[in-house]
């Protein structure tokens, strides 16, 4: 009985496995394009910021503190925005038709 580490006539080649991964990624991008790019940008930005902190001999955990602070500031801004005022996100929509929908 063959084990998982052995190559058999039913094994997938490196080329086939690579193509499989490319196909899965392309299918994922086709259906989730906005989320993919936002997540990729978010990760890239966090990595850049961590490198920046490390070069200054500061702890990478400051990224989490920064996100927490910005989240608190954003929630405070949302809390003081009137329903009929422009949304603070810059969309040009009224708050009640944008981020204010989540507040009701």
N, C-alpha and C. Protein backbone atom coordinates (compact mmCIF):
# COMPACT_ATOMS: atom_id res chain seq x y z
N UNK A 1 0.85 -1.18 0.00
CA UNK A 1 0.00 0.00 0.00
C UNK A 1 0.89 1.24 0.00
N UNK A 2 0.75 2.13 -0.99
CA UNK A 2 1.59 3.32 -1.08
C UNK A 2 1.21 4.36 -0.02
N UNK A 3 2.21 5.11 0.42
CA UNK A 3 1.99 6.18 1.38
C UNK A 3 1.92 7.51 0.65
N UNK A 4 1.48 8.56 1.34
CA UNK A 4 1.30 9.86 0.71
C UNK A 4 2.54 10.47 0.11
N UNK A 5 3.72 10.07 0.55
CA UNK A 5 4.94 10.66 0.05
C UNK A 5 5.51 9.98 -1.18
N UNK A 6 4.88 8.91 -1.63
CA UNK A 6 5.39 8.16 -2.77
C UNK A 6 4.75 8.64 -4.07
N UNK A 7 5.52 8.60 -5.14
CA UNK A 7 5.02 8.95 -6.46
C UNK A 7 4.50 7.68 -7.11
N UNK A 8 3.28 7.76 -7.61
CA UNK A 8 2.67 6.61 -8.29
C UNK A 8 2.19 7.06 -9.66
N UNK A 9 1.61 6.14 -10.40
CA UNK A 9 1.08 6.50 -11.72
C UNK A 9 -0.15 7.40 -11.59
N UNK A 10 -0.69 7.53 -10.37
CA UNK A 10 -1.86 8.40 -10.15
C UNK A 10 -1.45 9.75 -9.56
N UNK A 11 -0.17 9.99 -9.37
CA UNK A 11 0.33 11.24 -8.79
C UNK A 11 0.13 12.41 -9.74
N UNK A 12 -0.02 13.57 -9.18
CA UNK A 12 -0.17 14.80 -9.95
C UNK A 12 1.22 15.39 -10.14
N UNK A 13 1.51 15.84 -11.35
CA UNK A 13 2.81 16.46 -11.61
C UNK A 13 2.85 17.88 -11.05
N UNK A 14 4.02 18.42 -10.92
CA UNK A 14 4.17 19.79 -10.45
C UNK A 14 3.44 20.76 -11.37
N UNK A 15 3.53 20.53 -12.66
CA UNK A 15 2.85 21.38 -13.65
C UNK A 15 1.34 21.33 -13.45
N UNK A 16 0.79 20.14 -13.25
CA UNK A 16 -0.65 19.98 -13.06
C UNK A 16 -1.10 20.66 -11.76
N UNK A 17 -0.32 20.49 -10.71
CA UNK A 17 -0.67 21.11 -9.44
C UNK A 17 -0.61 22.63 -9.54
N UNK A 18 0.41 23.15 -10.21
CA UNK A 18 0.52 24.59 -10.41
C UNK A 18 -0.67 25.14 -11.19
N UNK A 19 -1.06 24.43 -12.24
CA UNK A 19 -2.22 24.86 -13.04
C UNK A 19 -3.49 24.82 -12.21
N UNK A 20 -3.63 23.80 -11.36
CA UNK A 20 -4.78 23.71 -10.46
C UNK A 20 -4.85 24.94 -9.55
N UNK A 21 -3.72 25.32 -8.96
CA UNK A 21 -3.70 26.49 -8.08
C UNK A 21 -4.05 27.76 -8.84
N UNK A 22 -3.54 27.90 -10.04
CA UNK A 22 -3.86 29.07 -10.87
C UNK A 22 -5.35 29.10 -11.18
N UNK A 23 -5.92 27.95 -11.55
CA UNK A 23 -7.36 27.88 -11.86
C UNK A 23 -8.21 28.25 -10.64
N UNK A 24 -7.84 27.74 -9.48
CA UNK A 24 -8.59 28.06 -8.26
C UNK A 24 -8.51 29.55 -7.97
N UNK A 25 -7.31 30.13 -8.08
CA UNK A 25 -7.14 31.56 -7.83
C UNK A 25 -7.96 32.39 -8.81
N UNK A 26 -7.91 32.04 -10.09
CA UNK A 26 -8.66 32.80 -11.09
C UNK A 26 -10.17 32.70 -10.86
N UNK A 27 -10.65 31.56 -10.46
CA UNK A 27 -12.08 31.40 -10.16
C UNK A 27 -12.45 32.25 -8.95
N UNK A 28 -11.58 32.26 -7.96
CA UNK A 28 -11.81 33.05 -6.77
C UNK A 28 -11.85 34.54 -7.12
N UNK A 29 -10.91 35.00 -7.91
CA UNK A 29 -10.87 36.40 -8.30
C UNK A 29 -12.11 36.77 -9.11
N UNK A 30 -12.52 35.88 -10.01
CA UNK A 30 -13.70 36.16 -10.85
C UNK A 30 -14.94 36.42 -10.01
N UNK A 31 -15.09 35.74 -8.91
CA UNK A 31 -16.31 35.85 -8.12
C UNK A 31 -16.19 36.77 -6.92
N UNK A 32 -15.00 37.10 -6.51
CA UNK A 32 -14.81 37.90 -5.30
C UNK A 32 -13.80 39.03 -5.53
N UNK A 33 -13.83 39.64 -6.68
CA UNK A 33 -12.79 40.60 -7.07
C UNK A 33 -12.62 41.75 -6.08
N UNK A 34 -13.69 42.34 -5.62
CA UNK A 34 -13.57 43.48 -4.71
C UNK A 34 -12.94 43.06 -3.39
N UNK A 35 -13.42 41.96 -2.83
CA UNK A 35 -12.88 41.50 -1.55
C UNK A 35 -11.42 41.10 -1.69
N UNK A 36 -11.06 40.48 -2.79
CA UNK A 36 -9.69 40.03 -2.99
C UNK A 36 -8.75 41.22 -3.01
N UNK A 37 -9.06 42.24 -3.81
CA UNK A 37 -8.16 43.38 -3.91
C UNK A 37 -8.09 44.17 -2.61
N UNK A 38 -9.21 44.30 -1.92
CA UNK A 38 -9.19 45.00 -0.64
C UNK A 38 -8.33 44.24 0.36
N UNK A 39 -8.50 42.93 0.42
CA UNK A 39 -7.70 42.13 1.36
C UNK A 39 -6.23 42.19 0.99
N UNK A 40 -5.92 42.09 -0.31
CA UNK A 40 -4.52 42.12 -0.74
C UNK A 40 -3.90 43.47 -0.39
N UNK A 41 -4.64 44.55 -0.60
CA UNK A 41 -4.14 45.88 -0.30
C UNK A 41 -3.93 46.04 1.21
N UNK A 42 -4.91 45.56 1.98
CA UNK A 42 -4.84 45.66 3.43
C UNK A 42 -3.62 44.93 3.97
N UNK A 43 -3.37 43.73 3.46
CA UNK A 43 -2.22 42.94 3.91
C UNK A 43 -0.91 43.63 3.49
N UNK A 44 -0.86 44.11 2.26
CA UNK A 44 0.34 44.79 1.78
C UNK A 44 0.64 46.04 2.61
N UNK A 45 -0.40 46.79 2.91
CA UNK A 45 -0.23 48.00 3.71
C UNK A 45 0.25 47.66 5.12
N UNK A 46 -0.35 46.65 5.73
CA UNK A 46 0.06 46.25 7.08
C UNK A 46 1.51 45.78 7.08
N UNK A 47 1.90 45.01 6.06
CA UNK A 47 3.29 44.54 5.97
C UNK A 47 4.25 45.71 5.80
N UNK A 48 3.90 46.65 4.94
CA UNK A 48 4.75 47.82 4.76
C UNK A 48 4.91 48.58 6.07
N UNK A 49 3.79 48.75 6.77
CA UNK A 49 3.84 49.50 8.02
C UNK A 49 4.66 48.76 9.08
N UNK A 50 4.54 47.42 9.12
CA UNK A 50 5.33 46.65 10.08
C UNK A 50 6.82 46.80 9.80
N UNK A 51 7.22 46.75 8.54
CA UNK A 51 8.63 46.94 8.19
C UNK A 51 9.09 48.32 8.62
N UNK A 52 8.25 49.31 8.38
CA UNK A 52 8.56 50.69 8.78
C UNK A 52 8.77 50.76 10.29
N UNK A 53 7.90 50.11 11.06
CA UNK A 53 8.05 50.11 12.52
C UNK A 53 9.32 49.39 12.96
N UNK A 54 9.60 48.24 12.34
CA UNK A 54 10.79 47.48 12.70
C UNK A 54 12.07 48.28 12.43
N UNK A 55 12.09 49.02 11.33
CA UNK A 55 13.27 49.84 11.02
C UNK A 55 13.48 50.94 12.05
N UNK A 56 12.40 51.32 12.73
CA UNK A 56 12.49 52.33 13.79
C UNK A 56 12.65 51.69 15.17
N UNK A 57 12.91 50.36 15.19
CA UNK A 57 13.03 49.61 16.44
C UNK A 57 11.78 49.72 17.31
N UNK A 58 10.63 49.73 16.65
CA UNK A 58 9.34 49.76 17.37
C UNK A 58 8.65 48.42 17.17
N UNK A 59 7.76 48.08 18.06
CA UNK A 59 7.08 46.79 18.03
C UNK A 59 6.04 46.74 16.91
N UNK A 60 5.98 45.64 16.14
CA UNK A 60 4.96 45.48 15.11
C UNK A 60 3.54 45.48 15.68
N UNK A 61 3.41 45.18 16.97
CA UNK A 61 2.08 45.19 17.58
C UNK A 61 1.45 46.58 17.56
N UNK A 62 2.24 47.59 17.28
CA UNK A 62 1.69 48.94 17.17
C UNK A 62 0.68 49.05 16.02
N UNK A 63 0.79 48.15 15.04
CA UNK A 63 -0.17 48.14 13.94
C UNK A 63 -1.57 47.89 14.49
N UNK A 64 -1.68 46.93 15.40
CA UNK A 64 -2.98 46.61 15.98
C UNK A 64 -3.50 47.79 16.81
N UNK A 65 -2.61 48.44 17.53
CA UNK A 65 -3.01 49.61 18.32
C UNK A 65 -3.49 50.73 17.40
N UNK A 66 -2.78 50.91 16.28
CA UNK A 66 -3.18 51.94 15.31
C UNK A 66 -4.56 51.64 14.74
N UNK A 67 -4.80 50.37 14.34
CA UNK A 67 -6.12 49.99 13.82
C UNK A 67 -7.20 50.22 14.86
N UNK A 68 -6.93 49.85 16.12
CA UNK A 68 -7.92 50.02 17.18
C UNK A 68 -8.24 51.49 17.39
N UNK A 69 -7.21 52.33 17.38
CA UNK A 69 -7.41 53.78 17.55
C UNK A 69 -8.23 54.35 16.39
N UNK A 70 -7.88 53.95 15.17
CA UNK A 70 -8.62 54.47 14.00
C UNK A 70 -10.07 53.98 14.00
N UNK A 71 -10.29 52.74 14.42
CA UNK A 71 -11.66 52.23 14.52
C UNK A 71 -12.48 53.02 15.53
N UNK A 72 -11.87 53.34 16.67
CA UNK A 72 -12.56 54.14 17.69
C UNK A 72 -12.87 55.54 17.16
N UNK A 73 -11.91 56.14 16.47
CA UNK A 73 -12.14 57.47 15.90
C UNK A 73 -13.25 57.44 14.86
N UNK A 74 -13.27 56.39 14.02
CA UNK A 74 -14.30 56.26 12.99
C UNK A 74 -15.67 56.09 13.63
N UNK A 75 -15.76 55.25 14.66
CA UNK A 75 -17.05 55.04 15.34
C UNK A 75 -17.52 56.33 16.00
N UNK A 76 -16.61 57.10 16.57
CA UNK A 76 -16.98 58.38 17.18
C UNK A 76 -17.48 59.35 16.12
N UNK A 77 -16.84 59.37 14.96
CA UNK A 77 -17.25 60.24 13.86
C UNK A 77 -18.64 59.85 13.36
N UNK A 78 -18.88 58.54 13.22
CA UNK A 78 -20.20 58.06 12.79
C UNK A 78 -21.27 58.43 13.81
N UNK A 79 -20.94 58.33 15.09
CA UNK A 79 -21.92 58.60 16.15
C UNK A 79 -22.36 60.06 16.15
N UNK A 80 -21.50 60.98 15.74
CA UNK A 80 -21.87 62.40 15.78
C UNK A 80 -22.36 62.92 14.42
N UNK A 81 -22.42 62.08 13.39
CA UNK A 81 -22.88 62.51 12.08
C UNK A 81 -24.40 62.44 12.02
N UNK A 82 -25.03 63.52 11.59
CA UNK A 82 -26.49 63.55 11.47
C UNK A 82 -26.98 62.73 10.28
N UNK A 83 -28.18 62.20 10.37
CA UNK A 83 -28.72 61.34 9.33
C UNK A 83 -28.72 61.98 7.95
N UNK A 84 -29.01 63.27 7.87
CA UNK A 84 -29.11 63.93 6.58
C UNK A 84 -27.82 64.63 6.15
N UNK A 85 -26.77 64.51 6.94
CA UNK A 85 -25.47 65.08 6.59
C UNK A 85 -24.77 64.18 5.58
N UNK A 86 -23.78 64.72 4.86
CA UNK A 86 -22.99 63.86 3.97
C UNK A 86 -22.25 62.80 4.79
N UNK A 87 -22.12 61.62 4.23
CA UNK A 87 -21.41 60.54 4.92
C UNK A 87 -19.94 60.91 5.03
N UNK A 88 -19.33 60.68 6.20
CA UNK A 88 -17.92 61.05 6.37
C UNK A 88 -16.96 60.19 5.55
N UNK A 89 -17.44 59.13 4.91
CA UNK A 89 -16.54 58.29 4.10
C UNK A 89 -16.17 58.95 2.79
N UNK A 90 -16.92 60.00 2.40
CA UNK A 90 -16.60 60.71 1.17
C UNK A 90 -17.33 60.19 -0.05
N UNK A 91 -18.34 59.35 0.14
CA UNK A 91 -19.07 58.78 -1.00
C UNK A 91 -19.95 59.80 -1.71
N UNK A 92 -20.28 60.90 -1.03
CA UNK A 92 -21.18 61.89 -1.61
C UNK A 92 -22.64 61.60 -1.29
N UNK A 93 -22.91 60.45 -0.67
CA UNK A 93 -24.28 60.09 -0.29
C UNK A 93 -24.60 60.67 1.08
N UNK A 94 -25.91 60.78 1.34
CA UNK A 94 -26.31 61.14 2.70
C UNK A 94 -25.93 60.00 3.62
N UNK A 95 -25.64 60.37 4.87
CA UNK A 95 -25.23 59.38 5.86
C UNK A 95 -26.26 58.26 5.99
N UNK A 96 -27.56 58.61 5.97
CA UNK A 96 -28.60 57.59 6.17
C UNK A 96 -28.66 56.60 5.01
N UNK A 97 -28.12 56.95 3.86
CA UNK A 97 -28.12 56.04 2.71
C UNK A 97 -26.77 55.35 2.52
N UNK A 98 -25.85 55.61 3.42
CA UNK A 98 -24.51 55.02 3.29
C UNK A 98 -24.18 54.28 4.59
N UNK A 99 -23.22 54.77 5.35
CA UNK A 99 -22.81 54.09 6.58
C UNK A 99 -23.85 54.24 7.68
N UNK A 100 -24.77 55.18 7.55
CA UNK A 100 -25.82 55.35 8.54
C UNK A 100 -26.86 54.25 8.52
N UNK A 101 -26.93 53.51 7.42
CA UNK A 101 -27.87 52.38 7.36
C UNK A 101 -27.54 51.36 8.45
N UNK A 102 -26.26 51.21 8.73
CA UNK A 102 -25.82 50.25 9.74
C UNK A 102 -26.12 50.71 11.15
N UNK A 103 -26.42 52.00 11.32
CA UNK A 103 -26.61 52.58 12.65
C UNK A 103 -28.03 52.43 13.17
N UNK A 104 -28.98 52.06 12.30
CA UNK A 104 -30.38 52.03 12.74
C UNK A 104 -30.75 50.81 13.51
